[in-house]
């Protein structure tokens, strides 16, 4: 079974914990992190040996699942961004 490629959106305290845990999961592969604070994305991305982005939308084509580690008030726009990207990817995969 292929591993689920995971991206973390927001690498503050909770995002760092999600990245750490995701890197240990056998069924998942942490492949990218994103944060509006590019320095933080760079730091955590390098810590885990994964790609890092300032704009989460740039990593959507590289992930199967996204963990949004943001305050609840700001989560909705990220979820709207993740859902269409996943649907588009699913359609592309089934067209083969």
N, C-alpha and C. Protein backbone atom coordinates (compact mmCIF):
# COMPACT_ATOMS: atom_id res chain seq x y z
N UNK A 1 0.84 -1.18 0.00
CA UNK A 1 0.00 0.00 0.00
C UNK A 1 0.88 1.24 0.00
N UNK A 2 0.52 2.20 -0.85
CA UNK A 2 1.27 3.46 -0.90
C UNK A 2 1.03 4.28 0.34
N UNK A 3 2.06 4.99 0.75
CA UNK A 3 1.92 5.89 1.89
C UNK A 3 1.14 7.13 1.48
N UNK A 4 0.40 7.68 2.41
CA UNK A 4 -0.32 8.93 2.19
C UNK A 4 0.68 10.07 2.33
N UNK A 5 0.76 10.91 1.32
CA UNK A 5 1.69 12.05 1.34
C UNK A 5 1.01 13.21 2.07
N UNK A 6 1.61 13.60 3.19
CA UNK A 6 1.01 14.58 4.08
C UNK A 6 1.75 15.91 4.03
N UNK A 7 0.98 17.00 4.08
CA UNK A 7 1.53 18.33 4.20
C UNK A 7 0.94 19.00 5.44
N UNK A 8 1.73 19.81 6.11
CA UNK A 8 1.27 20.54 7.29
C UNK A 8 1.14 22.01 6.94
N UNK A 9 -0.01 22.59 7.20
CA UNK A 9 -0.24 24.01 6.98
C UNK A 9 -0.22 24.70 8.34
N UNK A 10 0.80 25.49 8.55
CA UNK A 10 0.99 26.16 9.84
C UNK A 10 1.94 25.36 10.70
N UNK A 11 3.14 25.87 10.93
CA UNK A 11 4.11 25.12 11.73
C UNK A 11 4.52 25.89 12.98
N UNK A 12 3.49 26.41 13.67
CA UNK A 12 3.70 26.94 15.01
C UNK A 12 3.87 25.75 15.94
N UNK A 13 3.55 25.93 17.20
CA UNK A 13 3.75 24.85 18.17
C UNK A 13 3.01 23.57 17.77
N UNK A 14 1.70 23.68 17.52
CA UNK A 14 0.94 22.48 17.17
C UNK A 14 1.35 21.89 15.83
N UNK A 15 1.64 22.74 14.88
CA UNK A 15 2.10 22.25 13.58
C UNK A 15 3.40 21.48 13.68
N UNK A 16 4.30 21.97 14.54
CA UNK A 16 5.57 21.25 14.75
C UNK A 16 5.30 19.86 15.33
N UNK A 17 4.32 19.77 16.25
CA UNK A 17 3.99 18.47 16.84
C UNK A 17 3.38 17.54 15.80
N UNK A 18 2.51 18.07 14.97
CA UNK A 18 1.92 17.26 13.90
C UNK A 18 3.01 16.77 12.94
N UNK A 19 3.95 17.64 12.60
CA UNK A 19 5.04 17.25 11.69
C UNK A 19 5.88 16.14 12.32
N UNK A 20 6.19 16.28 13.59
CA UNK A 20 6.99 15.27 14.29
C UNK A 20 6.27 13.93 14.29
N UNK A 21 5.00 13.95 14.63
CA UNK A 21 4.23 12.70 14.70
C UNK A 21 4.05 12.10 13.30
N UNK A 22 3.72 12.93 12.31
CA UNK A 22 3.53 12.42 10.95
C UNK A 22 4.80 11.77 10.42
N UNK A 23 5.95 12.27 10.83
CA UNK A 23 7.21 11.70 10.34
C UNK A 23 7.47 10.30 10.89
N UNK A 24 6.74 9.90 11.94
CA UNK A 24 6.90 8.57 12.52
C UNK A 24 5.88 7.56 12.01
N UNK A 25 4.82 8.00 11.38
CA UNK A 25 3.74 7.10 10.97
C UNK A 25 4.16 6.21 9.80
N UNK A 26 3.85 4.94 9.92
CA UNK A 26 4.22 4.00 8.86
C UNK A 26 3.36 4.17 7.62
N UNK A 27 2.10 4.60 7.79
CA UNK A 27 1.18 4.71 6.67
C UNK A 27 1.26 6.07 5.98
N UNK A 28 2.02 6.98 6.55
CA UNK A 28 2.08 8.34 6.01
C UNK A 28 3.53 8.75 5.76
N UNK A 29 3.68 9.71 4.86
CA UNK A 29 4.99 10.29 4.58
C UNK A 29 4.84 11.80 4.59
N UNK A 30 5.52 12.44 5.52
CA UNK A 30 5.52 13.90 5.56
C UNK A 30 6.35 14.39 4.38
N UNK A 31 5.73 15.18 3.47
CA UNK A 31 6.43 15.61 2.27
C UNK A 31 6.60 17.12 2.18
N UNK A 32 5.80 17.88 2.96
CA UNK A 32 5.90 19.34 2.84
C UNK A 32 5.28 20.03 4.05
N UNK A 33 5.77 21.24 4.30
CA UNK A 33 5.19 22.11 5.31
C UNK A 33 5.03 23.50 4.71
N UNK A 34 4.08 24.25 5.25
CA UNK A 34 3.87 25.62 4.78
C UNK A 34 3.52 26.51 5.96
N UNK A 35 4.01 27.72 5.91
CA UNK A 35 3.69 28.70 6.94
C UNK A 35 3.89 30.09 6.34
N UNK A 36 3.05 31.05 6.73
CA UNK A 36 3.22 32.40 6.21
C UNK A 36 4.53 33.01 6.70
N UNK A 37 5.05 32.48 7.80
CA UNK A 37 6.38 32.89 8.28
C UNK A 37 7.40 31.97 7.58
N UNK A 38 7.96 32.45 6.48
CA UNK A 38 8.84 31.61 5.67
C UNK A 38 10.02 31.06 6.47
N UNK A 39 10.55 31.85 7.38
CA UNK A 39 11.68 31.40 8.20
C UNK A 39 11.28 30.15 9.01
N UNK A 40 10.07 30.14 9.53
CA UNK A 40 9.58 29.00 10.30
C UNK A 40 9.38 27.78 9.39
N UNK A 41 8.79 28.01 8.21
CA UNK A 41 8.60 26.91 7.26
C UNK A 41 9.95 26.32 6.85
N UNK A 42 10.92 27.18 6.60
CA UNK A 42 12.26 26.75 6.24
C UNK A 42 12.89 25.90 7.35
N UNK A 43 12.76 26.39 8.58
CA UNK A 43 13.34 25.68 9.73
C UNK A 43 12.73 24.29 9.91
N UNK A 44 11.42 24.21 9.92
CA UNK A 44 10.75 22.93 10.15
C UNK A 44 10.91 22.01 8.93
N UNK A 45 10.84 22.56 7.74
CA UNK A 45 11.06 21.76 6.55
C UNK A 45 12.43 21.11 6.54
N UNK A 46 13.44 21.90 6.88
CA UNK A 46 14.80 21.35 6.93
C UNK A 46 14.98 20.36 8.07
N UNK A 47 14.33 20.61 9.18
CA UNK A 47 14.42 19.68 10.32
C UNK A 47 13.93 18.29 9.93
N UNK A 48 12.89 18.24 9.08
CA UNK A 48 12.31 16.96 8.69
C UNK A 48 12.72 16.50 7.29
N UNK A 49 13.54 17.29 6.62
CA UNK A 49 14.00 16.92 5.30
C UNK A 49 12.92 16.91 4.25
N UNK A 50 11.99 17.88 4.36
CA UNK A 50 10.88 17.96 3.40
C UNK A 50 10.85 19.34 2.76
N UNK A 51 10.04 19.48 1.73
CA UNK A 51 9.89 20.77 1.06
C UNK A 51 9.17 21.75 1.99
N UNK A 52 9.42 23.03 1.78
CA UNK A 52 8.80 24.06 2.62
C UNK A 52 8.32 25.19 1.73
N UNK A 53 7.19 25.77 2.13
CA UNK A 53 6.55 26.81 1.33
C UNK A 53 6.02 27.91 2.24
N UNK A 54 5.93 29.10 1.69
CA UNK A 54 5.29 30.19 2.40
C UNK A 54 3.79 30.20 2.06
N UNK A 55 3.45 29.79 0.86
CA UNK A 55 2.07 29.74 0.41
C UNK A 55 1.65 28.27 0.32
N UNK A 56 0.69 27.88 1.14
CA UNK A 56 0.28 26.47 1.18
C UNK A 56 -0.23 25.97 -0.17
N UNK A 57 -0.78 26.85 -0.99
CA UNK A 57 -1.34 26.42 -2.28
C UNK A 57 -0.26 25.85 -3.19
N UNK A 58 0.98 26.24 -2.99
CA UNK A 58 2.07 25.74 -3.83
C UNK A 58 2.39 24.28 -3.55
N UNK A 59 1.95 23.75 -2.43
CA UNK A 59 2.27 22.36 -2.11
C UNK A 59 1.11 21.41 -2.39
N UNK A 60 -0.04 21.93 -2.81
CA UNK A 60 -1.22 21.09 -2.96
C UNK A 60 -1.05 19.96 -3.96
N UNK A 61 -0.31 20.17 -5.03
CA UNK A 61 -0.11 19.10 -6.02
C UNK A 61 0.81 17.99 -5.52
N UNK A 62 1.48 18.24 -4.40
CA UNK A 62 2.45 17.27 -3.89
C UNK A 62 1.91 16.42 -2.75
N UNK A 63 0.72 16.76 -2.24
CA UNK A 63 0.20 16.05 -1.06
C UNK A 63 -1.11 15.34 -1.37
N UNK A 64 -1.37 14.29 -0.58
CA UNK A 64 -2.65 13.59 -0.63
C UNK A 64 -3.57 14.09 0.49
N UNK A 65 -2.97 14.55 1.58
CA UNK A 65 -3.74 15.01 2.74
C UNK A 65 -3.01 16.18 3.37
N UNK A 66 -3.82 17.10 3.92
CA UNK A 66 -3.23 18.25 4.58
C UNK A 66 -3.74 18.36 6.00
N UNK A 67 -2.85 18.68 6.91
CA UNK A 67 -3.20 18.94 8.30
C UNK A 67 -3.14 20.45 8.49
N UNK A 68 -4.26 21.04 8.86
CA UNK A 68 -4.32 22.48 9.08
C UNK A 68 -4.11 22.73 10.57
N UNK A 69 -2.96 23.25 10.90
CA UNK A 69 -2.60 23.53 12.30
C UNK A 69 -2.63 25.04 12.51
N UNK A 70 -3.83 25.57 12.47
CA UNK A 70 -4.06 27.01 12.55
C UNK A 70 -5.14 27.27 13.57
N UNK A 71 -5.22 28.48 14.11
CA UNK A 71 -6.37 28.79 14.99
C UNK A 71 -7.68 28.54 14.24
N UNK A 72 -8.67 28.04 14.93
CA UNK A 72 -9.94 27.67 14.30
C UNK A 72 -10.55 28.79 13.47
N UNK A 73 -10.42 30.00 13.91
CA UNK A 73 -11.02 31.13 13.22
C UNK A 73 -10.47 31.27 11.81
N UNK A 74 -9.23 30.88 11.60
CA UNK A 74 -8.59 31.06 10.30
C UNK A 74 -8.51 29.78 9.47
N UNK A 75 -9.16 28.71 9.90
CA UNK A 75 -9.03 27.42 9.23
C UNK A 75 -9.85 27.31 7.95
N UNK A 76 -11.02 27.88 7.91
CA UNK A 76 -11.93 27.68 6.79
C UNK A 76 -11.34 27.97 5.41
N UNK A 77 -10.62 29.08 5.20
CA UNK A 77 -10.04 29.31 3.87
C UNK A 77 -9.09 28.19 3.43
N UNK A 78 -8.36 27.62 4.38
CA UNK A 78 -7.43 26.53 4.04
C UNK A 78 -8.20 25.28 3.63
N UNK A 79 -9.30 25.01 4.32
CA UNK A 79 -10.09 23.84 3.98
C UNK A 79 -10.70 23.98 2.59
N UNK A 80 -11.15 25.17 2.25
CA UNK A 80 -11.67 25.41 0.91
C UNK A 80 -10.58 25.18 -0.14
N UNK A 81 -9.34 25.51 0.19
CA UNK A 81 -8.24 25.30 -0.74
C UNK A 81 -7.87 23.84 -0.89
N UNK A 82 -7.97 23.08 0.20
CA UNK A 82 -7.60 21.67 0.15
C UNK A 82 -8.64 20.81 -0.58
N UNK A 83 -9.90 21.04 -0.35
CA UNK A 83 -10.94 20.18 -0.92
C UNK A 83 -10.93 20.16 -2.44
N UNK A 84 -10.94 21.31 -3.13
CA UNK A 84 -10.93 21.25 -4.60
C UNK A 84 -9.65 20.62 -5.15
N UNK A 85 -8.53 20.86 -4.50
CA UNK A 85 -7.27 20.29 -4.98
C UNK A 85 -7.32 18.77 -4.91
N UNK A 86 -7.86 18.23 -3.85
CA UNK A 86 -7.95 16.79 -3.69
C UNK A 86 -8.92 16.20 -4.71
N UNK A 87 -10.05 16.86 -4.92
CA UNK A 87 -11.02 16.36 -5.89
C UNK A 87 -10.44 16.34 -7.29
N UNK A 88 -9.70 17.38 -7.64
CA UNK A 88 -9.07 17.44 -8.95
C UNK A 88 -8.05 16.32 -9.10
N UNK A 89 -7.24 16.10 -8.06
CA UNK A 89 -6.24 15.04 -8.11
C UNK A 89 -6.92 13.68 -8.24
N UNK A 90 -8.00 13.45 -7.52
CA UNK A 90 -8.69 12.17 -7.60
C UNK A 90 -9.22 11.92 -9.00
N UNK A 91 -9.76 12.95 -9.63
CA UNK A 91 -10.25 12.79 -10.99
C UNK A 91 -9.12 12.46 -11.94
N UNK A 92 -7.97 13.13 -11.80
CA UNK A 92 -6.83 12.88 -12.68
C UNK A 92 -6.36 11.45 -12.53
N UNK A 93 -6.31 10.94 -11.29
CA UNK A 93 -5.83 9.58 -11.05
C UNK A 93 -6.76 8.53 -11.63
N UNK A 94 -8.06 8.80 -11.63
CA UNK A 94 -8.99 7.81 -12.15
C UNK A 94 -9.14 7.88 -13.66
N UNK A 95 -8.65 8.95 -14.27
CA UNK A 95 -8.73 9.07 -15.73
C UNK A 95 -7.73 8.18 -16.46
N UNK A 96 -6.77 7.61 -15.74
CA UNK A 96 -5.72 6.80 -16.39
C UNK A 96 -6.22 5.46 -16.79
